[in-house]
Amino acid sequence: MPFYQKIHNRWLLLPIALFILIVVNISIGSVHIPISDIFTILFNNDSMQPVWIDIVWNFRVTKALTCVLAGSALALSGLQMQTLFRNPLAGPDVLGLSSGASLMVSLLVFSKIGFTGPWAIAITASLGCALVFFIVLFFSKQLRDSVSLLIIGLMIGATASSLVSVLQFTSKAEELQTFLIWTFGSVSGMNWSELHVLIWVLITGFLLAFACAKPLNAWLLGDNYAQSLGVNIQRSRFLIILSGCILTGGATAFCGPIVFVGLAVPHLTKLIIKSSNHKVLIPNVMMAGAILLLLCDIIAQLPGQASVLPLNAVTSLFGAPVVIWVVMRNKRIF
């Protein structure tokens, strides 16, 4: 088979797998709905069981779309961070965004205000991500070295995590349970109004990421090489960080701190798509991120049972061995 046909066939794997997993994800749940009825509901909005229409459209479709959006956002943010810092172990939370969101949510939950609905948690988590972003942005203007910025981001995350630990130690059992459930990560429970907000937030991050594709290619070989190609170092770094913060912050605000997706997916994608061109990698990494989160959500639902596993438990069990395998197989990723 000619080489170009092999590449073409490989590129078909991701969209086909994405379509199949979306269908499977919508088909699985505590209520058994035949696949034929699901297609009838999706295309004709009709069913012999009216309650099935509500289940499919208001629970399963929103959950599947949330998986696609959050998985794409976290994977793309991870790719940007790994390229910017030239560190294969960098992830979406490398700048401390998830830790900032966790700190603000813990303050909300443990403050005894008593108002911890989905919108309150989403807004509070967004404020936490935004606060950390502005801190990182301040330091990015003072530092020219990306490695130093990486270290500062990690220290911000460590500081926020330590404050969360103190708040947990002084809280009550009921408050701990609410916060712990949020940290497990979840793509269920999203309604259409929340989903619309998430879509517009992430579209902004996606557009910024596509606009940064050329600077990202230059960043692969370092700051000096990028500058020699005419890339504005400060401006491109700001836009890359802004895009990564929007993508990570949006996903974390509505779904909780989902781990390992952004770390593992870029490596998996590079095994399938043999390219370092970000114009090629960005759309494929987005599809692969959606695929991985859909797959993890399917596993977490324990098909055939009513119970659901914590999403972060599944992503960690899946992602950690993948990263170890990739590192051992390639010895050096970049």
C-alpha atoms as a PDB file:
ATOM      1  CA  MET A   1       0.000   0.000   0.000  1.00  0.00           C
ATOM      2  CA  PRO A   2       1.442   3.436  -0.927  1.00  0.00           C
ATOM      3  CA  PHE A   3       2.640   5.587   1.933  1.00  0.00           C
ATOM      4  CA  TYR A   4       0.081   8.351   1.379  1.00  0.00           C
ATOM      5  CA  GLN A   5      -2.746   5.797   1.546  1.00  0.00           C
ATOM      6  CA  LYS A   6      -1.432   4.488   4.873  1.00  0.00           C
ATOM      7  CA  ILE A   7      -1.458   8.016   6.304  1.00  0.00           C
ATOM      8  CA  HIS A   8      -4.934   8.648   4.889  1.00  0.00           C
ATOM      9  CA  ASN A   9      -6.263   5.459   6.468  1.00  0.00           C
ATOM     10  CA  ARG A  10      -4.728   6.376   9.814  1.00  0.00           C
ATOM     11  CA  TRP A  11      -6.428   9.746   9.759  1.00  0.00           C
ATOM     12  CA  LEU A  12      -9.765   8.036   9.214  1.00  0.00           C
ATOM     13  CA  LEU A  13      -9.385   6.058  12.446  1.00  0.00           C
ATOM     14  CA  LEU A  14     -10.065   8.995  14.754  1.00  0.00           C
ATOM     15  CA  PRO A  15     -13.307  10.362  13.206  1.00  0.00           C
ATOM     16  CA  ILE A  16     -14.722   6.827  12.809  1.00  0.00           C
ATOM     17  CA  ALA A  17     -13.841   5.935  16.414  1.00  0.00           C
ATOM     18  CA  LEU A  18     -15.313   9.246  17.604  1.00  0.00           C
ATOM     19  CA  PHE A  19     -18.628   8.603  15.858  1.00  0.00           C
ATOM     20  CA  ILE A  20     -18.861   5.030  17.171  1.00  0.00           C
ATOM     21  CA  LEU A  21     -18.094   6.034  20.770  1.00  0.00           C
ATOM     22  CA  ILE A  22     -20.639   8.870  20.706  1.00  0.00           C
ATOM     23  CA  VAL A  23     -23.315   6.378  19.640  1.00  0.00           C
ATOM     24  CA  VAL A  24     -22.205   3.850  22.276  1.00  0.00           C
ATOM     25  CA  ASN A  25     -22.093   6.525  24.980  1.00  0.00           C
ATOM     26  CA  ILE A  26     -25.637   7.657  24.198  1.00  0.00           C
ATOM     27  CA  SER A  27     -26.819   4.033  24.093  1.00  0.00           C
ATOM     28  CA  ILE A  28     -25.537   3.084  27.552  1.00  0.00           C
ATOM     29  CA  GLY A  29     -27.338   3.961  30.780  1.00  0.00           C
ATOM     30  CA  SER A  30     -29.287   2.603  33.710  1.00  0.00           C
ATOM     31  CA  VAL A  31     -32.422   2.579  31.506  1.00  0.00           C
ATOM     32  CA  HIS A  32     -32.160   0.219  28.535  1.00  0.00           C
ATOM     33  CA  ILE A  33     -33.205   1.896  25.284  1.00  0.00           C
ATOM     34  CA  PRO A  34     -32.873  -0.075  22.015  1.00  0.00           C
ATOM     35  CA  ILE A  35     -30.423   1.419  19.546  1.00  0.00           C
ATOM     36  CA  SER A  36     -33.133   1.674  16.885  1.00  0.00           C
ATOM     37  CA  ASP A  37     -35.258   3.800  19.229  1.00  0.00           C
ATOM     38  CA  ILE A  38     -32.271   6.017  20.000  1.00  0.00           C
ATOM     39  CA  PHE A  39     -31.756   6.801  16.294  1.00  0.00           C
ATOM     40  CA  THR A  40     -35.491   7.443  15.930  1.00  0.00           C
ATOM     41  CA  ILE A  41     -35.371   9.875  18.840  1.00  0.00           C
ATOM     42  CA  LEU A  42     -32.275  11.634  17.523  1.00  0.00           C
ATOM     43  CA  PHE A  43     -33.484  12.073  13.938  1.00  0.00           C
ATOM     44  CA  ASN A  44     -37.281  12.204  14.333  1.00  0.00           C
ATOM     45  CA  ASN A  45     -37.691  13.206  17.995  1.00  0.00           C
ATOM     46  CA  ASP A  46     -40.310  10.479  18.301  1.00  0.00           C
ATOM     47  CA  SER A  47     -40.668   7.361  20.447  1.00  0.00           C
ATOM     48  CA  MET A  48     -43.293   4.944  21.742  1.00  0.00           C
ATOM     49  CA  GLN A  49     -41.988   5.842  25.222  1.00  0.00           C
ATOM     50  CA  PRO A  50     -42.119   9.642  25.728  1.00  0.00           C
ATOM     51  CA  VAL A  51     -39.875   9.406  28.781  1.00  0.00           C
ATOM     52  CA  TRP A  52     -37.110   7.992  26.553  1.00  0.00           C
ATOM     53  CA  ILE A  53     -37.052  11.249  24.584  1.00  0.00           C
ATOM     54  CA  ASP A  54     -36.341  13.172  27.780  1.00  0.00           C
ATOM     55  CA  ILE A  55     -33.655  10.684  28.854  1.00  0.00           C
ATOM     56  CA  VAL A  56     -31.863  10.770  25.496  1.00  0.00           C
ATOM     57  CA  TRP A  57     -31.973  14.524  24.832  1.00  0.00           C
ATOM     58  CA  ASN A  58     -31.645  15.933  28.350  1.00  0.00           C
ATOM     59  CA  PHE A  59     -29.254  13.422  29.892  1.00  0.00           C
ATOM     60  CA  ARG A  60     -27.375  11.252  27.435  1.00  0.00           C
ATOM     61  CA  VAL A  61     -26.844  13.680  24.540  1.00  0.00           C
ATOM     62  CA  THR A  62     -25.735  16.474  26.868  1.00  0.00           C
ATOM     63  CA  LYS A  63     -23.351  14.068  28.628  1.00  0.00           C
ATOM     64  CA  ALA A  64     -21.860  12.862  25.345  1.00  0.00           C
ATOM     65  CA  LEU A  65     -21.403  16.434  24.098  1.00  0.00           C
ATOM     66  CA  THR A  66     -19.771  17.380  27.396  1.00  0.00           C
ATOM     67  CA  CYS A  67     -17.323  14.488  26.958  1.00  0.00           C
ATOM     68  CA  VAL A  68     -16.482  15.686  23.449  1.00  0.00           C
ATOM     69  CA  LEU A  69     -16.010  19.313  24.493  1.00  0.00           C
ATOM     70  CA  ALA A  70     -14.110  18.699  27.742  1.00  0.00           C
ATOM     71  CA  GLY A  71     -11.933  15.956  26.244  1.00  0.00           C
ATOM     72  CA  SER A  72     -11.040  18.141  23.244  1.00  0.00           C
ATOM     73  CA  ALA A  73     -10.301  21.155  25.438  1.00  0.00           C
ATOM     74  CA  LEU A  74      -8.070  19.320  27.932  1.00  0.00           C
ATOM     75  CA  ALA A  75      -6.181  17.430  25.222  1.00  0.00           C
ATOM     76  CA  LEU A  76      -5.544  20.582  23.189  1.00  0.00           C
ATOM     77  CA  SER A  77      -4.453  22.507  26.281  1.00  0.00           C
ATOM     78  CA  GLY A  78      -2.052  19.676  27.135  1.00  0.00           C
ATOM     79  CA  LEU A  79      -0.554  19.769  23.622  1.00  0.00           C
ATOM     80  CA  GLN A  80      -0.022  23.527  23.892  1.00  0.00           C
ATOM     81  CA  MET A  81       1.648  23.277  27.306  1.00  0.00           C
ATOM     82  CA  GLN A  82       3.911  20.409  26.219  1.00  0.00           C
ATOM     83  CA  THR A  83       5.018  22.372  23.158  1.00  0.00           C
ATOM     84  CA  LEU A  84       5.409  25.713  24.911  1.00  0.00           C
ATOM     85  CA  PHE A  85       7.510  24.290  27.761  1.00  0.00           C
ATOM     86  CA  ARG A  86       9.068  21.540  25.593  1.00  0.00           C
ATOM     87  CA  ASN A  87       8.243  19.122  28.393  1.00  0.00           C
ATOM     88  CA  PRO A  88       6.439  15.849  27.568  1.00  0.00           C
ATOM     89  CA  LEU A  89       5.142  15.623  31.144  1.00  0.00           C
ATOM     90  CA  ALA A  90       3.445  19.032  31.084  1.00  0.00           C
ATOM     91  CA  GLY A  91      -0.352  18.942  31.284  1.00  0.00           C
ATOM     92  CA  PRO A  92      -3.276  21.366  31.282  1.00  0.00           C
ATOM     93  CA  ASP A  93      -2.886  21.985  35.020  1.00  0.00           C
ATOM     94  CA  VAL A  94       0.846  22.752  34.783  1.00  0.00           C
ATOM     95  CA  LEU A  95       0.185  26.467  35.444  1.00  0.00           C
ATOM     96  CA  GLY A  96      -1.846  25.705  38.567  1.00  0.00           C
ATOM     97  CA  LEU A  97      -5.270  26.435  37.045  1.00  0.00           C
ATOM     98  CA  SER A  98      -6.953  23.298  38.390  1.00  0.00           C
ATOM     99  CA  SER A  99      -5.465  23.959  41.829  1.00  0.00           C
ATOM    100  CA  GLY A 100      -6.791  27.529  41.724  1.00  0.00           C
ATOM    101  CA  ALA A 101     -10.241  26.257  40.806  1.00  0.00           C
ATOM    102  CA  SER A 102     -10.088  23.668  43.598  1.00  0.00           C
ATOM    103  CA  LEU A 103      -9.092  26.347  46.120  1.00  0.00           C
ATOM    104  CA  MET A 104     -12.000  28.633  45.226  1.00  0.00           C
ATOM    105  CA  VAL A 105     -14.514  25.775  45.201  1.00  0.00           C
ATOM    106  CA  SER A 106     -13.235  24.603  48.584  1.00  0.00           C
ATOM    107  CA  LEU A 107     -13.676  28.148  49.954  1.00  0.00           C
ATOM    108  CA  LEU A 108     -17.247  28.137  48.648  1.00  0.00           C
ATOM    109  CA  VAL A 109     -18.083  24.702  50.053  1.00  0.00           C
ATOM    110  CA  PHE A 110     -16.360  25.157  53.406  1.00  0.00           C
ATOM    111  CA  SER A 111     -17.504  28.770  53.963  1.00  0.00           C
ATOM    112  CA  LYS A 112     -20.904  27.589  55.273  1.00  0.00           C
ATOM    113  CA  ILE A 113     -22.747  29.875  52.848  1.00  0.00           C
ATOM    114  CA  GLY A 114     -25.002  26.945  52.061  1.00  0.00           C
ATOM    115  CA  PHE A 115     -25.309  27.757  48.339  1.00  0.00           C
ATOM    116  CA  THR A 116     -23.352  25.193  46.343  1.00  0.00           C
ATOM    117  CA  GLY A 117     -25.463  24.621  43.236  1.00  0.00           C
ATOM    118  CA  PRO A 118     -23.940  23.766  39.835  1.00  0.00           C
ATOM    119  CA  TRP A 119     -23.840  27.397  38.667  1.00  0.00           C
ATOM    120  CA  ALA A 120     -22.281  28.583  41.924  1.00  0.00           C
ATOM    121  CA  ILE A 121     -19.544  25.968  41.696  1.00  0.00           C
ATOM    122  CA  ALA A 122     -18.945  26.665  37.979  1.00  0.00           C
ATOM    123  CA  ILE A 123     -18.652  30.432  38.512  1.00  0.00           C
ATOM    124  CA  THR A 124     -16.427  29.999  41.564  1.00  0.00           C
ATOM    125  CA  ALA A 125     -14.139  27.543  39.745  1.00  0.00           C
ATOM    126  CA  SER A 126     -13.917  29.979  36.817  1.00  0.00           C
ATOM    127  CA  LEU A 127     -12.891  32.771  39.172  1.00  0.00           C
ATOM    128  CA  GLY A 128     -10.195  30.521  40.649  1.00  0.00           C
ATOM    129  CA  CYS A 129      -8.811  29.731  37.199  1.00  0.00           C
ATOM    130  CA  ALA A 130      -8.942  33.412  36.220  1.00  0.00           C
ATOM    131  CA  LEU A 131      -7.127  34.460  39.403  1.00  0.00           C
ATOM    132  CA  VAL A 132      -4.280  32.010  38.765  1.00  0.00           C
ATOM    133  CA  PHE A 133      -4.181  33.062  35.108  1.00  0.00           C
ATOM    134  CA  PHE A 134      -3.623  36.716  36.006  1.00  0.00           C
ATOM    135  CA  ILE A 135      -0.899  35.736  38.478  1.00  0.00           C
ATOM    136  CA  VAL A 136       0.827  33.642  35.810  1.00  0.00           C
ATOM    137  CA  LEU A 137       0.343  36.449  33.285  1.00  0.00           C
ATOM    138  CA  PHE A 138       2.047  38.890  35.650  1.00  0.00           C
ATOM    139  CA  PHE A 139       5.071  36.620  36.028  1.00  0.00           C
ATOM    140  CA  SER A 140       5.166  35.856  32.288  1.00  0.00           C
ATOM    141  CA  LYS A 141       5.760  39.555  31.596  1.00  0.00           C
ATOM    142  CA  GLN A 142       8.648  39.574  34.071  1.00  0.00           C
ATOM    143  CA  LEU A 143      10.285  36.362  32.823  1.00  0.00           C
ATOM    144  CA  ARG A 144      11.657  35.526  29.414  1.00  0.00           C
ATOM    145  CA  ASP A 145      12.431  31.909  30.291  1.00  0.00           C
ATOM    146  CA  SER A 146       9.535  29.456  29.895  1.00  0.00           C
ATOM    147  CA  VAL A 147      11.153  26.971  32.286  1.00  0.00           C
ATOM    148  CA  SER A 148      11.075  29.552  35.084  1.00  0.00           C
ATOM    149  CA  LEU A 149       7.413  30.218  34.317  1.00  0.00           C
ATOM    150  CA  LEU A 150       6.746  26.478  34.500  1.00  0.00           C
ATOM    151  CA  ILE A 151       8.343  26.298  37.947  1.00  0.00           C
ATOM    152  CA  ILE A 152       6.293  29.274  39.161  1.00  0.00           C
ATOM    153  CA  GLY A 153       3.104  27.642  37.866  1.00  0.00           C
ATOM    154  CA  LEU A 154       3.923  24.443  39.740  1.00  0.00           C
ATOM    155  CA  MET A 155       4.616  26.397  42.936  1.00  0.00           C
ATOM    156  CA  ILE A 156       1.311  28.271  42.612  1.00  0.00           C
ATOM    157  CA  GLY A 157      -0.434  24.920  42.263  1.00  0.00           C
ATOM    158  CA  ALA A 158       1.400  23.513  45.288  1.00  0.00           C
ATOM    159  CA  THR A 159       0.459  26.560  47.393  1.00  0.00           C
ATOM    160  CA  ALA A 160      -3.206  26.313  46.406  1.00  0.00           C
ATOM    161  CA  SER A 161      -3.245  22.568  47.122  1.00  0.00           C
ATOM    162  CA  SER A 162      -1.767  23.117  50.584  1.00  0.00           C
ATOM    163  CA  LEU A 163      -4.455  25.706  51.406  1.00  0.00           C
ATOM    164  CA  VAL A 164      -7.113  23.245  50.227  1.00  0.00           C
ATOM    165  CA  SER A 165      -5.659  20.631  52.589  1.00  0.00           C
ATOM    166  CA  VAL A 166      -5.895  23.050  55.527  1.00  0.00           C
ATOM    167  CA  LEU A 167      -9.526  23.844  54.679  1.00  0.00           C
ATOM    168  CA  GLN A 168     -10.332  20.142  54.403  1.00  0.00           C
ATOM    169  CA  PHE A 169      -8.783  19.452  57.797  1.00  0.00           C
ATOM    170  CA  THR A 170     -10.997  22.059  59.477  1.00  0.00           C
ATOM    171  CA  SER A 171     -14.244  21.177  57.672  1.00  0.00           C
ATOM    172  CA  LYS A 172     -17.184  18.942  58.508  1.00  0.00           C
ATOM    173  CA  ALA A 173     -17.891  15.539  56.990  1.00  0.00           C
ATOM    174  CA  GLU A 174     -20.848  16.778  54.903  1.00  0.00           C
ATOM    175  CA  GLU A 175     -18.789  19.612  53.425  1.00  0.00           C
ATOM    176  CA  LEU A 176     -15.931  17.247  52.686  1.00  0.00           C
ATOM    177  CA  GLN A 177     -18.268  14.932  50.808  1.00  0.00           C
ATOM    178  CA  THR A 178     -19.557  17.749  48.567  1.00  0.00           C
ATOM    179  CA  PHE A 179     -16.036  18.900  47.730  1.00  0.00           C
ATOM    180  CA  LEU A 180     -14.761  15.350  47.234  1.00  0.00           C
ATOM    181  CA  ILE A 181     -17.535  14.565  44.760  1.00  0.00           C
ATOM    182  CA  TRP A 182     -16.533  17.635  42.722  1.00  0.00           C
ATOM    183  CA  THR A 183     -12.874  16.588  42.678  1.00  0.00           C
ATOM    184  CA  PHE A 184     -13.854  13.183  41.244  1.00  0.00           C
ATOM    185  CA  GLY A 185     -14.760  14.919  37.980  1.00  0.00           C
ATOM    186  CA  SER A 186     -18.060  14.407  36.199  1.00  0.00           C
ATOM    187  CA  VAL A 187     -19.534  14.988  32.746  1.00  0.00           C
ATOM    188  CA  SER A 188     -23.089  14.178  33.814  1.00  0.00           C
ATOM    189  CA  GLY A 189     -25.606  16.593  35.227  1.00  0.00           C
ATOM    190  CA  MET A 190     -24.999  19.258  32.557  1.00  0.00           C
ATOM    191  CA  ASN A 191     -28.144  20.897  31.218  1.00  0.00           C
ATOM    192  CA  TRP A 192     -28.490  22.671  27.877  1.00  0.00           C
ATOM    193  CA  SER A 193     -28.079  26.179  29.308  1.00  0.00           C
ATOM    194  CA  GLU A 194     -24.792  25.217  30.989  1.00  0.00           C
ATOM    195  CA  LEU A 195     -23.698  23.406  27.847  1.00  0.00           C
ATOM    196  CA  HIS A 196     -24.291  26.501  25.711  1.00  0.00           C
ATOM    197  CA  VAL A 197     -22.043  28.551  28.004  1.00  0.00           C
ATOM    198  CA  LEU A 198     -19.352  25.873  27.900  1.00  0.00           C
ATOM    199  CA  ILE A 199     -19.542  25.712  24.090  1.00  0.00           C
ATOM    200  CA  TRP A 200     -18.971  29.444  23.622  1.00  0.00           C
ATOM    201  CA  VAL A 201     -16.161  29.548  26.176  1.00  0.00           C
ATOM    202  CA  LEU A 202     -14.334  26.633  24.565  1.00  0.00           C
ATOM    203  CA  ILE A 203     -14.872  27.919  21.015  1.00  0.00           C
ATOM    204  CA  THR A 204     -12.890  31.008  22.047  1.00  0.00           C
ATOM    205  CA  GLY A 205     -10.064  28.800  23.299  1.00  0.00           C
ATOM    206  CA  PHE A 206     -10.165  26.622  20.169  1.00  0.00           C
ATOM    207  CA  LEU A 207      -9.945  29.640  17.835  1.00  0.00           C
ATOM    208  CA  LEU A 208      -6.977  31.034  19.755  1.00  0.00           C
ATOM    209  CA  ALA A 209      -5.256  27.642  19.575  1.00  0.00           C
ATOM    210  CA  PHE A 210      -5.714  27.424  15.802  1.00  0.00           C
ATOM    211  CA  ALA A 211      -4.369  30.971  15.459  1.00  0.00           C
ATOM    212  CA  CYS A 212      -1.262  29.875  17.413  1.00  0.00           C
ATOM    213  CA  ALA A 213      -0.543  26.805  15.223  1.00  0.00           C
ATOM    214  CA  LYS A 214       2.347  28.464  13.357  1.00  0.00           C
ATOM    215  CA  PRO A 215       4.024  29.897  16.505  1.00  0.00           C
ATOM    216  CA  LEU A 216       3.639  26.480  18.172  1.00  0.00           C
ATOM    217  CA  ASN A 217       5.576  24.886  15.318  1.00  0.00           C
ATOM    218  CA  ALA A 218       8.346  27.412  15.880  1.00  0.00           C
ATOM    219  CA  TRP A 219       8.317  26.879  19.654  1.00  0.00           C
ATOM    220  CA  LEU A 220       9.195  23.201  19.140  1.00  0.00           C
ATOM    221  CA  LEU A 221      12.839  24.123  18.553  1.00  0.00           C
ATOM    222  CA  GLY A 222      13.123  26.733  21.273  1.00  0.00           C
ATOM    223  CA  ASP A 223      12.750  30.434  21.967  1.00  0.00           C
ATOM    224  CA  ASN A 224      15.751  31.548  19.919  1.00  0.00           C
ATOM    225  CA  TYR A 225      14.668  29.590  16.847  1.00  0.00           C
ATOM    226  CA  ALA A 226      11.135  30.937  17.104  1.00  0.00           C
ATOM    227  CA  GLN A 227      12.450  34.489  17.388  1.00  0.00           C
ATOM    228  CA  SER A 228      14.715  33.982  14.375  1.00  0.00           C
ATOM    229  CA  LEU A 229      11.616  33.058  12.340  1.00  0.00           C
ATOM    230  CA  GLY A 230      10.018  36.375  13.229  1.00  0.00           C
ATOM    231  CA  VAL A 231       7.734  35.089  15.981  1.00  0.00           C
ATOM    232  CA  ASN A 232       6.909  37.659  18.636  1.00  0.00           C
ATOM    233  CA  ILE A 233       7.924  35.661  21.712  1.00  0.00           C
ATOM    234  CA  GLN A 234       5.986  37.627  24.314  1.00  0.00           C
ATOM    235  CA  ARG A 235       2.819  37.913  22.236  1.00  0.00           C
ATOM    236  CA  SER A 236       2.739  34.259  21.135  1.00  0.00           C
ATOM    237  CA  ARG A 237       3.439  32.987  24.638  1.00  0.00           C
ATOM    238  CA  PHE A 238       0.634  35.182  25.990  1.00  0.00           C
ATOM    239  CA  LEU A 239      -1.846  33.864  23.382  1.00  0.00           C
ATOM    240  CA  ILE A 240      -0.823  30.229  23.963  1.00  0.00           C
ATOM    241  CA  ILE A 241      -1.179  30.613  27.742  1.00  0.00           C
ATOM    242  CA  LEU A 242      -4.494  32.459  27.301  1.00  0.00           C
ATOM    243  CA  SER A 243      -5.861  29.691  25.074  1.00  0.00           C
ATOM    244  CA  GLY A 244      -4.692  26.957  27.466  1.00  0.00           C
ATOM    245  CA  CYS A 245      -6.202  28.788  30.445  1.00  0.00           C
ATOM    246  CA  ILE A 246      -9.571  29.262  28.725  1.00  0.00           C
ATOM    247  CA  LEU A 247      -9.725  25.610  27.675  1.00  0.00           C
ATOM    248  CA  THR A 248      -8.616  24.233  31.044  1.00  0.00           C
ATOM    249  CA  GLY A 249     -10.675  26.716  33.048  1.00  0.00           C
ATOM    250  CA  GLY A 250     -13.871  26.085  31.084  1.00  0.00           C
ATOM    251  CA  ALA A 251     -13.591  22.301  31.344  1.00  0.00           C
ATOM    252  CA  THR A 252     -12.635  22.415  35.035  1.00  0.00           C
ATOM    253  CA  ALA A 253     -15.420  24.845  35.941  1.00  0.00           C
ATOM    254  CA  PHE A 254     -18.204  22.641  34.605  1.00  0.00           C
ATOM    255  CA  CYS A 255     -16.700  19.139  34.876  1.00  0.00           C
ATOM    256  CA  GLY A 256     -14.282  19.331  37.792  1.00  0.00           C
ATOM    257  CA  PRO A 257     -10.515  18.715  37.671  1.00  0.00           C
ATOM    258  CA  ILE A 258     -10.348  15.815  35.201  1.00  0.00           C
ATOM    259  CA  VAL A 259      -6.818  14.414  35.218  1.00  0.00           C
ATOM    260  CA  PHE A 260      -4.520  12.658  32.741  1.00  0.00           C
ATOM    261  CA  VAL A 261      -6.535  13.400  29.583  1.00  0.00           C
ATOM    262  CA  GLY A 262      -4.384  16.383  28.644  1.00  0.00           C
ATOM    263  CA  LEU A 263      -1.189  14.559  29.556  1.00  0.00           C
ATOM    264  CA  ALA A 264      -1.763  11.256  27.768  1.00  0.00           C
ATOM    265  CA  VAL A 265      -3.715  12.223  24.642  1.00  0.00           C
ATOM    266  CA  PRO A 266      -1.019  14.251  22.800  1.00  0.00           C
ATOM    267  CA  HIS A 267       1.369  11.307  23.063  1.00  0.00           C
ATOM    268  CA  LEU A 268      -1.241   8.814  21.869  1.00  0.00           C
ATOM    269  CA  THR A 269      -2.123  11.050  18.939  1.00  0.00           C
ATOM    270  CA  LYS A 270       1.513  11.318  17.851  1.00  0.00           C
ATOM    271  CA  LEU A 271       1.677   7.517  17.709  1.00  0.00           C
ATOM    272  CA  ILE A 272      -1.190   7.510  15.198  1.00  0.00           C
ATOM    273  CA  ILE A 273      -0.512  10.751  13.320  1.00  0.00           C
ATOM    274  CA  LYS A 274       3.178  10.837  12.482  1.00  0.00           C
ATOM    275  CA  SER A 275       3.478  14.600  12.305  1.00  0.00           C
ATOM    276  CA  SER A 276       4.831  17.468  14.393  1.00  0.00           C
ATOM    277  CA  ASN A 277       2.900  20.083  12.430  1.00  0.00           C
ATOM    278  CA  HIS A 278       0.390  21.660  14.792  1.00  0.00           C
ATOM    279  CA  LYS A 279      -1.966  22.470  11.939  1.00  0.00           C
ATOM    280  CA  VAL A 280      -2.347  18.707  11.646  1.00  0.00           C
ATOM    281  CA  LEU A 281      -1.958  17.826  15.321  1.00  0.00           C
ATOM    282  CA  ILE A 282      -4.510  20.272  16.751  1.00  0.00           C
ATOM    283  CA  PRO A 283      -7.674  18.816  15.117  1.00  0.00           C
ATOM    284  CA  ASN A 284      -6.477  15.247  15.645  1.00  0.00           C
ATOM    285  CA  VAL A 285      -5.564  15.830  19.297  1.00  0.00           C
ATOM    286  CA  MET A 286      -9.021  17.323  19.827  1.00  0.00           C
ATOM    287  CA  MET A 287     -10.685  14.225  18.353  1.00  0.00           C
ATOM    288  CA  ALA A 288      -8.437  11.901  20.363  1.00  0.00           C
ATOM    289  CA  GLY A 289      -9.238  13.778  23.585  1.00  0.00           C
ATOM    290  CA  ALA A 290     -12.954  13.440  22.919  1.00  0.00           C
ATOM    291  CA  ILE A 291     -12.493   9.727  22.159  1.00  0.00           C
ATOM    292  CA  LEU A 292     -10.568   9.049  25.371  1.00  0.00           C
ATOM    293  CA  LEU A 293     -13.052  10.856  27.612  1.00  0.00           C
ATOM    294  CA  LEU A 294     -16.005   9.156  25.918  1.00  0.00           C
ATOM    295  CA  LEU A 295     -14.310   5.787  26.435  1.00  0.00           C
ATOM    296  CA  CYS A 296     -13.549   6.534  30.092  1.00  0.00           C
ATOM    297  CA  ASP A 297     -17.132   7.655  30.668  1.00  0.00           C
ATOM    298  CA  ILE A 298     -18.439   4.433  29.100  1.00  0.00           C
ATOM    299  CA  ILE A 299     -16.202   2.378  31.402  1.00  0.00           C
ATOM    300  CA  ALA A 300     -17.166   4.506  34.426  1.00  0.00           C
ATOM    301  CA  GLN A 301     -20.847   3.792  33.837  1.00  0.00           C
ATOM    302  CA  LEU A 302     -20.263   0.059  34.427  1.00  0.00           C
ATOM    303  CA  PRO A 303     -22.535  -1.082  31.550  1.00  0.00           C
ATOM    304  CA  GLY A 304     -25.355  -3.266  32.845  1.00  0.00           C
ATOM    305  CA  GLN A 305     -25.258  -1.772  36.346  1.00  0.00           C
ATOM    306  CA  ALA A 306     -26.826   1.270  37.982  1.00  0.00           C
ATOM    307  CA  SER A 307     -23.671   2.398  39.822  1.00  0.00           C
ATOM    308  CA  VAL A 308     -21.123   4.793  38.326  1.00  0.00           C
ATOM    309  CA  LEU A 309     -17.394   4.939  39.043  1.00  0.00           C
ATOM    310  CA  PRO A 310     -15.602   8.272  39.676  1.00  0.00           C
ATOM    311  CA  LEU A 311     -14.456   9.567  36.288  1.00  0.00           C
ATOM    312  CA  ASN A 312     -11.002  10.564  37.555  1.00  0.00           C
ATOM    313  CA  ALA A 313     -10.405   7.026  38.788  1.00  0.00           C
ATOM    314  CA  VAL A 314     -10.933   5.683  35.265  1.00  0.00           C
ATOM    315  CA  THR A 315      -8.899   8.388  33.505  1.00  0.00           C
ATOM    316  CA  SER A 316      -6.000   7.813  35.923  1.00  0.00           C
ATOM    317  CA  LEU A 317      -6.115   4.028  35.563  1.00  0.00           C
ATOM    318  CA  PHE A 318      -6.137   4.446  31.797  1.00  0.00           C
ATOM    319  CA  GLY A 319      -3.828   7.433  31.432  1.00  0.00           C
ATOM    320  CA  ALA A 320      -0.978   6.577  33.809  1.00  0.00           C
ATOM    321  CA  PRO A 321      -0.031   3.235  32.141  1.00  0.00           C
ATOM    322  CA  VAL A 322      -0.317   4.884  28.719  1.00  0.00           C
ATOM    323  CA  VAL A 323       2.168   7.610  29.656  1.00  0.00           C
ATOM    324  CA  ILE A 324       4.570   5.039  31.155  1.00  0.00           C
ATOM    325  CA  TRP A 325       4.267   2.879  28.034  1.00  0.00           C
ATOM    326  CA  VAL A 326       4.852   5.831  25.705  1.00  0.00           C
ATOM    327  CA  VAL A 327       7.935   6.980  27.636  1.00  0.00           C
ATOM    328  CA  MET A 328       9.425   3.461  27.746  1.00  0.00           C
ATOM    329  CA  ARG A 329       8.650   2.791  24.086  1.00  0.00           C
ATOM    330  CA  ASN A 330      10.032   6.024  22.713  1.00  0.00           C
ATOM    331  CA  LYS A 331      12.701   6.714  25.350  1.00  0.00           C
ATOM    332  CA  ARG A 332      12.453  10.335  24.311  1.00  0.00           C
ATOM    333  CA  ILE A 333       9.198  11.891  23.139  1.00  0.00           C
ATOM    334  CA  PHE A 334      10.485  15.200  21.809  1.00  0.00           C
END
